[in-house]
Amino acid sequence: MGYAKNITELIGNTPLVQLQQASNESGATVLGKCEFLNPTHSVKDRIGTNMINTAL
């Protein structure tokens, strides 16, 4: 089993899930981004990390 050495390693690469009903009804592949799986459950994790790294 892998593990992260630092919480910042968990930011980004947010999983995508196919939304079956929307995909079937539209005839296109419709994906939902699981932002709630980010460490702070926010879409702003990546932005905040970048701001801090830039400041350092």
N, C-alpha and C. Protein backbone atom coordinates (compact mmCIF):
# COMPACT_ATOMS: atom_id res chain seq x y z
N MET A 1 0.84 -1.18 0.00
CA MET A 1 0.00 0.00 0.00
C MET A 1 0.88 1.24 0.00
N GLY A 2 0.59 2.19 -0.89
CA GLY A 2 1.35 3.42 -0.93
C GLY A 2 0.83 4.42 0.10
N TYR A 3 1.64 5.40 0.39
CA TYR A 3 1.23 6.45 1.31
C TYR A 3 1.91 7.74 0.92
N ALA A 4 1.33 8.85 1.36
CA ALA A 4 1.90 10.17 1.09
C ALA A 4 2.84 10.54 2.23
N LYS A 5 3.98 11.09 1.90
CA LYS A 5 4.93 11.54 2.92
C LYS A 5 4.58 12.94 3.41
N ASN A 6 3.72 13.63 2.65
CA ASN A 6 3.35 15.00 2.98
C ASN A 6 1.95 15.24 2.42
N ILE A 7 1.14 16.01 3.11
CA ILE A 7 -0.24 16.24 2.66
C ILE A 7 -0.29 16.92 1.29
N THR A 8 0.75 17.69 0.96
CA THR A 8 0.74 18.36 -0.34
C THR A 8 0.84 17.38 -1.50
N GLU A 9 1.33 16.17 -1.24
CA GLU A 9 1.38 15.14 -2.29
C GLU A 9 -0.02 14.67 -2.69
N LEU A 10 -1.00 14.93 -1.84
CA LEU A 10 -2.37 14.48 -2.11
C LEU A 10 -3.17 15.49 -2.92
N ILE A 11 -2.62 16.67 -3.13
CA ILE A 11 -3.33 17.73 -3.85
C ILE A 11 -3.14 17.56 -5.34
N GLY A 12 -4.21 17.70 -6.08
CA GLY A 12 -4.18 17.52 -7.53
C GLY A 12 -4.57 16.09 -7.88
N ASN A 13 -4.60 15.79 -9.15
CA ASN A 13 -5.00 14.46 -9.62
C ASN A 13 -6.32 14.02 -9.01
N THR A 14 -7.26 14.97 -8.92
CA THR A 14 -8.57 14.68 -8.35
C THR A 14 -9.29 13.65 -9.21
N PRO A 15 -9.83 12.61 -8.60
CA PRO A 15 -10.50 11.57 -9.38
C PRO A 15 -11.72 12.09 -10.13
N LEU A 16 -11.97 11.49 -11.29
CA LEU A 16 -13.15 11.77 -12.09
C LEU A 16 -14.04 10.54 -12.08
N VAL A 17 -15.35 10.76 -12.06
CA VAL A 17 -16.32 9.67 -12.08
C VAL A 17 -17.30 9.93 -13.21
N GLN A 18 -17.57 8.90 -14.01
CA GLN A 18 -18.54 9.08 -15.09
C GLN A 18 -19.94 9.16 -14.49
N LEU A 19 -20.69 10.16 -14.92
CA LEU A 19 -22.07 10.33 -14.49
C LEU A 19 -22.94 9.59 -15.50
N GLN A 20 -23.34 8.37 -15.13
CA GLN A 20 -23.99 7.46 -16.06
C GLN A 20 -25.27 8.02 -16.67
N GLN A 21 -26.18 8.52 -15.84
CA GLN A 21 -27.46 8.99 -16.37
C GLN A 21 -27.27 10.16 -17.31
N ALA A 22 -26.45 11.13 -16.92
CA ALA A 22 -26.19 12.28 -17.79
C ALA A 22 -25.50 11.84 -19.07
N SER A 23 -24.61 10.88 -18.98
CA SER A 23 -23.92 10.37 -20.16
C SER A 23 -24.90 9.67 -21.10
N ASN A 24 -25.76 8.82 -20.54
CA ASN A 24 -26.73 8.10 -21.36
C ASN A 24 -27.71 9.05 -22.04
N GLU A 25 -28.19 10.05 -21.30
CA GLU A 25 -29.19 10.98 -21.85
C GLU A 25 -28.60 11.91 -22.90
N SER A 26 -27.34 12.27 -22.75
CA SER A 26 -26.73 13.23 -23.67
C SER A 26 -26.02 12.56 -24.85
N GLY A 27 -25.71 11.29 -24.71
CA GLY A 27 -24.95 10.60 -25.75
C GLY A 27 -23.47 10.95 -25.72
N ALA A 28 -23.05 11.64 -24.68
CA ALA A 28 -21.64 12.03 -24.52
C ALA A 28 -21.15 11.49 -23.18
N THR A 29 -19.85 11.41 -23.03
CA THR A 29 -19.29 11.02 -21.74
C THR A 29 -19.28 12.25 -20.85
N VAL A 30 -20.02 12.18 -19.75
CA VAL A 30 -20.09 13.29 -18.80
C VAL A 30 -19.39 12.85 -17.52
N LEU A 31 -18.41 13.64 -17.10
CA LEU A 31 -17.61 13.30 -15.92
C LEU A 31 -17.84 14.31 -14.81
N GLY A 32 -17.80 13.84 -13.58
CA GLY A 32 -17.85 14.71 -12.41
C GLY A 32 -16.52 14.63 -11.69
N LYS A 33 -16.02 15.77 -11.25
CA LYS A 33 -14.74 15.82 -10.55
C LYS A 33 -15.01 15.75 -9.04
N CYS A 34 -14.38 14.82 -8.36
CA CYS A 34 -14.63 14.56 -6.94
C CYS A 34 -13.76 15.47 -6.06
N GLU A 35 -14.06 16.75 -6.07
CA GLU A 35 -13.26 17.71 -5.28
C GLU A 35 -13.31 17.41 -3.79
N PHE A 36 -14.37 16.75 -3.33
CA PHE A 36 -14.48 16.43 -1.91
C PHE A 36 -13.39 15.45 -1.45
N LEU A 37 -12.66 14.86 -2.39
CA LEU A 37 -11.57 13.95 -2.02
C LEU A 37 -10.23 14.67 -1.85
N ASN A 38 -10.21 15.99 -2.05
CA ASN A 38 -9.01 16.77 -1.75
C ASN A 38 -8.82 16.81 -0.24
N PRO A 39 -7.60 17.02 0.24
CA PRO A 39 -7.33 16.99 1.68
C PRO A 39 -8.24 17.90 2.51
N THR A 40 -8.58 19.08 2.01
CA THR A 40 -9.46 19.98 2.77
C THR A 40 -10.85 20.04 2.17
N HIS A 41 -11.16 19.10 1.28
CA HIS A 41 -12.47 18.99 0.64
C HIS A 41 -12.84 20.25 -0.14
N SER A 42 -11.86 20.90 -0.72
CA SER A 42 -12.08 22.18 -1.38
C SER A 42 -11.44 22.22 -2.75
N VAL A 43 -12.04 23.01 -3.64
CA VAL A 43 -11.45 23.22 -4.97
C VAL A 43 -10.25 24.15 -4.89
N LYS A 44 -10.02 24.75 -3.73
CA LYS A 44 -8.96 25.75 -3.59
C LYS A 44 -7.64 25.17 -3.08
N ASP A 45 -7.57 23.87 -2.87
CA ASP A 45 -6.34 23.24 -2.37
C ASP A 45 -5.15 23.53 -3.28
N ARG A 46 -5.33 23.32 -4.57
CA ARG A 46 -4.24 23.49 -5.53
C ARG A 46 -3.80 24.96 -5.58
N ILE A 47 -4.76 25.87 -5.58
CA ILE A 47 -4.46 27.31 -5.63
C ILE A 47 -3.68 27.73 -4.38
N GLY A 48 -4.17 27.31 -3.22
CA GLY A 48 -3.51 27.67 -1.96
C GLY A 48 -2.09 27.13 -1.87
N THR A 49 -1.91 25.89 -2.29
CA THR A 49 -0.57 25.29 -2.28
C THR A 49 0.37 26.05 -3.19
N ASN A 50 -0.09 26.41 -4.37
CA ASN A 50 0.74 27.15 -5.31
C ASN A 50 1.11 28.52 -4.75
N MET A 51 0.17 29.20 -4.12
CA MET A 51 0.46 30.52 -3.53
C MET A 51 1.52 30.42 -2.44
N ILE A 52 1.41 29.42 -1.59
CA ILE A 52 2.38 29.24 -0.51
C ILE A 52 3.75 28.89 -1.07
N ASN A 53 3.80 27.96 -2.03
CA ASN A 53 5.09 27.57 -2.62
C ASN A 53 5.75 28.74 -3.34
N THR A 54 4.97 29.58 -4.00
CA THR A 54 5.51 30.75 -4.68
C THR A 54 6.07 31.76 -3.68
N ALA A 55 5.39 31.93 -2.55
CA ALA A 55 5.83 32.87 -1.53
C ALA A 55 7.12 32.41 -0.85
N LEU A 56 7.31 31.10 -0.77
CA LEU A 56 8.51 30.58 -0.12
C LEU A 56 9.68 30.67 -1.07
